[in-house]
C-alpha atoms as a PDB file:
ATOM      1  CA  MET A   1      -2.188  12.106  28.529  1.00  0.00           C
ATOM      2  CA  SER A   2       0.910  13.843  29.872  1.00  0.00           C
ATOM      3  CA  GLU A   3       4.339  12.875  28.588  1.00  0.00           C
ATOM      4  CA  GLN A   4       5.162  11.809  32.151  1.00  0.00           C
ATOM      5  CA  GLN A   5       2.209   9.390  32.137  1.00  0.00           C
ATOM      6  CA  LEU A   6       3.377   8.061  28.785  1.00  0.00           C
ATOM      7  CA  CYS A   7       6.877   7.352  30.117  1.00  0.00           C
ATOM      8  CA  GLU A   8       5.447   5.459  33.073  1.00  0.00           C
ATOM      9  CA  LEU A   9       3.072   3.424  30.892  1.00  0.00           C
ATOM     10  CA  LEU A  10       5.758   2.527  28.330  1.00  0.00           C
ATOM     11  CA  VAL A  11       7.720   0.665  30.989  1.00  0.00           C
ATOM     12  CA  ARG A  12       4.669  -1.464  31.767  1.00  0.00           C
ATOM     13  CA  LEU A  13       3.831  -2.023  28.091  1.00  0.00           C
ATOM     14  CA  THR A  14       7.284  -3.353  27.177  1.00  0.00           C
ATOM     15  CA  PRO A  15       6.574  -7.059  27.867  1.00  0.00           C
ATOM     16  CA  HIS A  16       3.469  -7.038  25.657  1.00  0.00           C
ATOM     17  CA  TYR A  17       4.465  -4.935  22.631  1.00  0.00           C
ATOM     18  CA  SER A  18       7.274  -4.624  20.106  1.00  0.00           C
ATOM     19  CA  LEU A  19       8.630  -1.301  18.864  1.00  0.00           C
ATOM     20  CA  LEU A  20       8.380  -0.517  15.157  1.00  0.00           C
ATOM     21  CA  CYS A  21      11.343   1.529  13.878  1.00  0.00           C
ATOM     22  CA  ALA A  22      11.338   3.777  10.806  1.00  0.00           C
ATOM     23  CA  LYS A  23      14.747   3.596   9.100  1.00  0.00           C
ATOM     24  CA  GLY A  24      16.177   2.679  12.481  1.00  0.00           C
ATOM     25  CA  GLU A  25      14.479   5.602  14.261  1.00  0.00           C
ATOM     26  CA  ARG A  26      12.382   4.810  17.325  1.00  0.00           C
ATOM     27  CA  LEU A  27      10.676   8.213  17.193  1.00  0.00           C
ATOM     28  CA  ALA A  28       9.498   8.660  13.607  1.00  0.00           C
ATOM     29  CA  ARG A  29       9.135  12.236  12.348  1.00  0.00           C
ATOM     30  CA  TYR A  30       5.914  13.264  10.603  1.00  0.00           C
ATOM     31  CA  GLU A  31       4.780  16.451   8.864  1.00  0.00           C
ATOM     32  CA  THR A  32       1.204  16.951   7.702  1.00  0.00           C
ATOM     33  CA  HIS A  33      -0.207  19.750   5.558  1.00  0.00           C
ATOM     34  CA  TYR A  34      -3.990  20.098   5.485  1.00  0.00           C
ATOM     35  CA  PHE A  35      -6.090  21.668   2.746  1.00  0.00           C
ATOM     36  CA  ASP A  36      -9.535  23.185   3.183  1.00  0.00           C
ATOM     37  CA  THR A  37     -11.816  25.689   1.494  1.00  0.00           C
ATOM     38  CA  ALA A  38     -11.598  29.404   2.237  1.00  0.00           C
ATOM     39  CA  ASP A  39     -14.595  29.099   4.596  1.00  0.00           C
ATOM     40  CA  ARG A  40     -13.166  25.940   6.257  1.00  0.00           C
ATOM     41  CA  HIS A  41     -15.787  23.539   4.944  1.00  0.00           C
ATOM     42  CA  CYS A  42     -13.974  20.418   6.214  1.00  0.00           C
ATOM     43  CA  TYR A  43     -13.515  21.922   9.672  1.00  0.00           C
ATOM     44  CA  ARG A  44     -17.145  23.045   9.883  1.00  0.00           C
ATOM     45  CA  GLU A  45     -18.482  19.649   8.797  1.00  0.00           C
ATOM     46  CA  HIS A  46     -16.513  17.981  11.590  1.00  0.00           C
ATOM     47  CA  ARG A  47     -17.603  20.600  14.136  1.00  0.00           C
ATOM     48  CA  ARG A  48     -21.225  20.039  13.185  1.00  0.00           C
ATOM     49  CA  GLY A  49     -20.821  16.287  13.632  1.00  0.00           C
ATOM     50  CA  ARG A  50     -21.736  15.406  10.055  1.00  0.00           C
ATOM     51  CA  SER A  51     -21.922  11.648   9.717  1.00  0.00           C
ATOM     52  CA  ARG A  52     -20.094  11.781   6.386  1.00  0.00           C
ATOM     53  CA  ARG A  53     -17.130  14.124   6.118  1.00  0.00           C
ATOM     54  CA  TYR A  54     -13.688  14.436   4.533  1.00  0.00           C
ATOM     55  CA  LYS A  55     -10.203  15.764   5.145  1.00  0.00           C
ATOM     56  CA  VAL A  56      -7.519  16.322   2.524  1.00  0.00           C
ATOM     57  CA  ARG A  57      -3.879  16.264   3.591  1.00  0.00           C
ATOM     58  CA  ALA A  58      -0.347  15.701   2.352  1.00  0.00           C
ATOM     59  CA  ARG A  59       1.668  13.710   4.874  1.00  0.00           C
ATOM     60  CA  SER A  60       5.441  13.319   4.800  1.00  0.00           C
ATOM     61  CA  TYR A  61       7.229  10.521   6.621  1.00  0.00           C
ATOM     62  CA  LEU A  62      10.525  12.304   7.006  1.00  0.00           C
ATOM     63  CA  ASP A  63      12.706   9.390   8.059  1.00  0.00           C
ATOM     64  CA  ARG A  64      11.491   7.257   5.144  1.00  0.00           C
ATOM     65  CA  GLU A  65      11.542  10.214   2.702  1.00  0.00           C
ATOM     66  CA  LEU A  66       7.988   9.449   1.639  1.00  0.00           C
ATOM     67  CA  THR A  67       5.093  11.836   0.892  1.00  0.00           C
ATOM     68  CA  VAL A  68       1.512  10.793   0.214  1.00  0.00           C
ATOM     69  CA  LEU A  69      -1.624  12.751  -0.571  1.00  0.00           C
ATOM     70  CA  GLU A  70      -4.516  11.416   1.477  1.00  0.00           C
ATOM     71  CA  VAL A  71      -8.263  11.810   1.526  1.00  0.00           C
ATOM     72  CA  LYS A  72      -9.775  10.673   4.829  1.00  0.00           C
ATOM     73  CA  GLU A  73     -13.444   9.839   4.666  1.00  0.00           C
ATOM     74  CA  ARG A  74     -15.651   9.154   7.664  1.00  0.00           C
ATOM     75  CA  ASP A  75     -18.697   7.332   6.389  1.00  0.00           C
ATOM     76  CA  ALA A  76     -22.251   7.263   7.712  1.00  0.00           C
ATOM     77  CA  ARG A  77     -21.422   4.257   9.933  1.00  0.00           C
ATOM     78  CA  GLY A  78     -18.591   6.158  11.635  1.00  0.00           C
ATOM     79  CA  ILE A  79     -15.867   4.133   9.890  1.00  0.00           C
ATOM     80  CA  THR A  80     -12.814   5.993   8.581  1.00  0.00           C
ATOM     81  CA  HIS A  81     -11.411   5.173   5.149  1.00  0.00           C
ATOM     82  CA  LYS A  82      -8.103   6.476   3.786  1.00  0.00           C
ATOM     83  CA  SER A  83      -7.304   6.807   0.087  1.00  0.00           C
ATOM     84  CA  ARG A  84      -3.679   7.510  -0.809  1.00  0.00           C
ATOM     85  CA  LEU A  85      -1.750   8.853  -3.768  1.00  0.00           C
ATOM     86  CA  GLU A  86       2.024   8.669  -3.514  1.00  0.00           C
ATOM     87  CA  ARG A  87       3.894  11.843  -4.444  1.00  0.00           C
ATOM     88  CA  ASN A  88       7.527  12.821  -4.842  1.00  0.00           C
ATOM     89  CA  PHE A  89       9.042  13.344  -1.405  1.00  0.00           C
ATOM     90  CA  GLY A  90       8.269  16.844  -0.136  1.00  0.00           C
ATOM     91  CA  HIS A  91       5.912  17.650  -3.013  1.00  0.00           C
ATOM     92  CA  LEU A  92       2.908  19.354  -1.416  1.00  0.00           C
ATOM     93  CA  SER A  93       1.266  21.069  -4.376  1.00  0.00           C
ATOM     94  CA  LEU A  94      -2.224  20.083  -5.512  1.00  0.00           C
ATOM     95  CA  GLU A  95      -1.370  20.835  -9.119  1.00  0.00           C
ATOM     96  CA  GLY A  96      -1.954  18.354 -11.919  1.00  0.00           C
ATOM     97  CA  ALA A  97      -4.838  16.410 -13.435  1.00  0.00           C
ATOM     98  CA  GLU A  98      -3.989  13.231 -11.498  1.00  0.00           C
ATOM     99  CA  VAL A  99      -4.356  15.052  -8.171  1.00  0.00           C
ATOM    100  CA  ALA A 100      -7.589  16.765  -9.230  1.00  0.00           C
ATOM    101  CA  ASP A 101      -9.105  13.461 -10.357  1.00  0.00           C
ATOM    102  CA  PHE A 102      -7.976  11.719  -7.153  1.00  0.00           C
ATOM    103  CA  ILE A 103      -9.534  14.324  -4.847  1.00  0.00           C
ATOM    104  CA  ALA A 104     -12.752  14.500  -6.855  1.00  0.00           C
ATOM    105  CA  ALA A 105     -13.096  10.712  -6.935  1.00  0.00           C
ATOM    106  CA  HIS A 106     -12.642  10.243  -3.206  1.00  0.00           C
ATOM    107  CA  SER A 107     -14.249  13.366  -1.744  1.00  0.00           C
ATOM    108  CA  GLY A 108     -16.409  14.986  -4.399  1.00  0.00           C
ATOM    109  CA  MET A 109     -14.575  18.281  -3.828  1.00  0.00           C
ATOM    110  CA  ARG A 110     -12.947  20.321  -6.572  1.00  0.00           C
ATOM    111  CA  VAL A 111      -9.240  20.916  -6.171  1.00  0.00           C
ATOM    112  CA  SER A 112      -9.770  24.554  -7.192  1.00  0.00           C
ATOM    113  CA  GLU A 113     -11.738  25.067  -3.945  1.00  0.00           C
ATOM    114  CA  LEU A 114      -8.875  23.941  -1.716  1.00  0.00           C
ATOM    115  CA  GLN A 115      -6.024  25.937  -0.227  1.00  0.00           C
ATOM    116  CA  PRO A 116      -3.357  25.308   2.443  1.00  0.00           C
ATOM    117  CA  SER A 117      -5.054  25.569   5.837  1.00  0.00           C
ATOM    118  CA  LEU A 118      -2.839  24.129   8.593  1.00  0.00           C
ATOM    119  CA  SER A 119       0.537  22.447   9.017  1.00  0.00           C
ATOM    120  CA  ASN A 120       1.285  19.988  11.778  1.00  0.00           C
ATOM    121  CA  SER A 121       4.401  18.144  12.919  1.00  0.00           C
ATOM    122  CA  PHE A 122       4.960  15.483  15.554  1.00  0.00           C
ATOM    123  CA  ARG A 123       7.086  12.485  16.482  1.00  0.00           C
ATOM    124  CA  ARG A 124       5.526   9.037  16.734  1.00  0.00           C
ATOM    125  CA  ILE A 125       6.232   5.848  18.642  1.00  0.00           C
ATOM    126  CA  THR A 126       4.520   2.804  17.115  1.00  0.00           C
ATOM    127  CA  LEU A 127       3.965  -0.367  19.124  1.00  0.00           C
ATOM    128  CA  LEU A 128       2.810  -3.720  17.747  1.00  0.00           C
ATOM    129  CA  GLY A 129       1.121  -6.369  19.875  1.00  0.00           C
ATOM    130  CA  ARG A 130       3.254  -9.466  20.454  1.00  0.00           C
ATOM    131  CA  THR A 131       0.326 -11.883  20.756  1.00  0.00           C
ATOM    132  CA  ARG A 132      -2.671  -9.931  19.420  1.00  0.00           C
ATOM    133  CA  PRO A 133      -3.275  -8.008  16.157  1.00  0.00           C
ATOM    134  CA  GLN A 134      -2.985  -4.556  17.665  1.00  0.00           C
ATOM    135  CA  ARG A 135      -1.160  -1.335  16.854  1.00  0.00           C
ATOM    136  CA  ILE A 136      -0.666   1.619  19.193  1.00  0.00           C
ATOM    137  CA  THR A 137       0.568   5.016  18.040  1.00  0.00           C
ATOM    138  CA  LEU A 138       1.923   7.472  20.597  1.00  0.00           C
ATOM    139  CA  ASP A 139       2.462  11.036  19.360  1.00  0.00           C
ATOM    140  CA  VAL A 140       4.631  13.626  21.124  1.00  0.00           C
ATOM    141  CA  ASP A 141       6.187  17.020  20.277  1.00  0.00           C
ATOM    142  CA  ILE A 142       2.967  18.026  18.536  1.00  0.00           C
ATOM    143  CA  SER A 143       2.958  21.488  16.969  1.00  0.00           C
ATOM    144  CA  PHE A 144       0.758  23.490  14.597  1.00  0.00           C
ATOM    145  CA  THR A 145       1.440  26.409  12.240  1.00  0.00           C
ATOM    146  CA  THR A 146      -0.768  28.514   9.999  1.00  0.00           C
ATOM    147  CA  LYS A 147      -0.293  31.894   8.339  1.00  0.00           C
ATOM    148  CA  GLY A 148       2.526  32.981  10.623  1.00  0.00           C
ATOM    149  CA  ALA A 149       0.925  31.682  13.850  1.00  0.00           C
ATOM    150  CA  ALA A 150       2.374  28.713  15.717  1.00  0.00           C
ATOM    151  CA  ARG A 151       1.469  26.592  18.731  1.00  0.00           C
ATOM    152  CA  ARG A 152       3.225  23.673  20.404  1.00  0.00           C
ATOM    153  CA  LEU A 153       1.461  21.330  22.827  1.00  0.00           C
ATOM    154  CA  ARG A 154       3.768  21.328  25.863  1.00  0.00           C
ATOM    155  CA  GLY A 155       4.140  18.023  27.696  1.00  0.00           C
ATOM    156  CA  VAL A 156       1.217  16.375  25.884  1.00  0.00           C
ATOM    157  CA  ALA A 157       1.117  12.882  24.357  1.00  0.00           C
ATOM    158  CA  VAL A 158      -1.705  11.442  22.255  1.00  0.00           C
ATOM    159  CA  ALA A 159      -2.327   7.691  22.063  1.00  0.00           C
ATOM    160  CA  GLU A 160      -4.443   5.866  19.519  1.00  0.00           C
ATOM    161  CA  VAL A 161      -5.214   2.157  19.884  1.00  0.00           C
ATOM    162  CA  LYS A 162      -6.089   0.247  16.715  1.00  0.00           C
ATOM    163  CA  SER A 163      -7.180  -3.330  17.264  1.00  0.00           C
ATOM    164  CA  SER A 164      -9.303  -6.057  15.738  1.00  0.00           C
ATOM    165  CA  ASP A 165      -9.795  -7.524  19.221  1.00  0.00           C
ATOM    166  CA  THR A 166     -13.498  -6.983  19.847  1.00  0.00           C
ATOM    167  CA  ARG A 167     -13.219  -8.088  23.483  1.00  0.00           C
ATOM    168  CA  ASN A 168     -11.746  -4.689  24.296  1.00  0.00           C
ATOM    169  CA  GLN A 169      -9.665  -6.180  27.099  1.00  0.00           C
ATOM    170  CA  THR A 170      -6.152  -5.813  25.705  1.00  0.00           C
ATOM    171  CA  GLU A 171      -3.271  -5.013  28.013  1.00  0.00           C
ATOM    172  CA  VAL A 172      -2.890  -1.406  26.897  1.00  0.00           C
ATOM    173  CA  LEU A 173      -6.565  -0.630  27.522  1.00  0.00           C
ATOM    174  CA  ARG A 174      -6.386  -2.170  30.990  1.00  0.00           C
ATOM    175  CA  LEU A 175      -3.329  -0.061  31.781  1.00  0.00           C
ATOM    176  CA  PHE A 176      -4.959   3.096  30.431  1.00  0.00           C
ATOM    177  CA  ARG A 177      -8.081   2.541  32.497  1.00  0.00           C
ATOM    178  CA  GLY A 178      -5.967   1.849  35.571  1.00  0.00           C
ATOM    179  CA  ALA A 179      -4.204   5.187  35.040  1.00  0.00           C
ATOM    180  CA  GLY A 180      -7.560   6.994  34.883  1.00  0.00           C
ATOM    181  CA  LEU A 181      -7.402   7.524  31.114  1.00  0.00           C
ATOM    182  CA  ARG A 182     -10.570   7.336  29.028  1.00  0.00           C
ATOM    183  CA  PRO A 183     -11.095   7.525  25.247  1.00  0.00           C
ATOM    184  CA  GLN A 184     -11.657  11.018  23.852  1.00  0.00           C
ATOM    185  CA  GLY A 185     -12.044  12.337  20.328  1.00  0.00           C
ATOM    186  CA  PHE A 186      -8.933  14.094  19.021  1.00  0.00           C
ATOM    187  CA  SER A 187      -8.614  15.566  15.542  1.00  0.00           C
ATOM    188  CA  LYS A 188      -5.217  17.193  15.027  1.00  0.00           C
ATOM    189  CA  TYR A 189      -6.593  19.286  12.202  1.00  0.00           C
ATOM    190  CA  CYS A 190      -9.631  20.568  14.069  1.00  0.00           C
ATOM    191  CA  LEU A 191      -7.864  21.215  17.370  1.00  0.00           C
ATOM    192  CA  GLY A 192      -4.929  22.936  15.684  1.00  0.00           C
ATOM    193  CA  THR A 193      -7.322  25.093  13.665  1.00  0.00           C
ATOM    194  CA  ALA A 194      -9.281  26.038  16.795  1.00  0.00           C
ATOM    195  CA  LEU A 195      -6.121  26.824  18.788  1.00  0.00           C
ATOM    196  CA  LEU A 196      -4.669  29.118  16.112  1.00  0.00           C
ATOM    197  CA  ASN A 197      -7.830  30.957  15.093  1.00  0.00           C
ATOM    198  CA  GLU A 198      -9.227  32.945  17.995  1.00  0.00           C
ATOM    199  CA  GLY A 199     -12.972  33.369  17.857  1.00  0.00           C
ATOM    200  CA  LEU A 200     -13.567  30.378  15.604  1.00  0.00           C
ATOM    201  CA  ARG A 201     -16.533  28.293  16.764  1.00  0.00           C
ATOM    202  CA  ALA A 202     -15.237  25.122  18.401  1.00  0.00           C
ATOM    203  CA  ASN A 203     -18.028  23.893  20.673  1.00  0.00           C
ATOM    204  CA  ARG A 204     -17.636  20.248  19.644  1.00  0.00           C
ATOM    205  CA  PHE A 205     -13.949  20.304  20.555  1.00  0.00           C
ATOM    206  CA  LEU A 206     -14.199  22.038  23.940  1.00  0.00           C
ATOM    207  CA  PRO A 207     -13.749  18.857  26.054  1.00  0.00           C
ATOM    208  CA  ALA A 208     -10.501  18.021  24.252  1.00  0.00           C
ATOM    209  CA  LEU A 209      -9.313  21.652  24.382  1.00  0.00           C
ATOM    210  CA  ARG A 210      -9.960  21.795  28.128  1.00  0.00           C
ATOM    211  CA  ARG A 211      -8.079  18.532  28.615  1.00  0.00           C
ATOM    212  CA  LEU A 212      -5.108  19.925  26.684  1.00  0.00           C
ATOM    213  CA  SER A 213      -5.145  23.076  28.801  1.00  0.00           C
ATOM    214  CA  ARG A 214      -5.072  21.061  32.040  1.00  0.00           C
ATOM    215  CA  LEU A 215      -2.202  18.890  30.811  1.00  0.00           C
ATOM    216  CA  GLU A 216      -0.147  21.892  29.745  1.00  0.00           C
ATOM    217  CA  GLU A 217      -0.699  23.599  33.116  1.00  0.00           C
ATOM    218  CA  VAL A 218       1.144  20.783  34.899  1.00  0.00           C
ATOM    219  CA  ALA A 219       3.793  20.204  32.216  1.00  0.00           C
END
């Protein structure tokens, strides 16, 4: 959605959700560094729609001075699992036996195959449902960098709704539908990689890329 749409929706969400602050900050700062093989195996597996795929990343929560190494696994049922290994704040290297064992155990990949692939930064608003077990993340100021290239998404906000409410009728979803917003796949790693590597095959991500282009045109 556009940042303008987000501002309008936040006003209407206020009675139903509480704001989660990180060290007193309402807009938490995140940095993520992704690792992939030289031929972008993780990217290609996602582009091909493999039912089981992985991503390896080091994420820093800047306001909390916390860094974790994560392996994200999407299993054959389409469920995402995250395995985490806490690191020293700002430590992004994949060196060490503990890291190698962790990555091998949770992804089957060898750490020697991986190299820095993409960096991403954004600011996040997190809302918690007052009466239902629901969490909403709202990301703004999203930018990507890789090998000297950089790209910022102008005027774009990305919302993710995480809920155990199977009725799918929570207030935020009603508001989103009323604003003409529909769910759409959005992988920061894959879209950032496609945006910064001209000529890279990205057929699976074209709907999201077109949506981004339209939002930036009116920003």
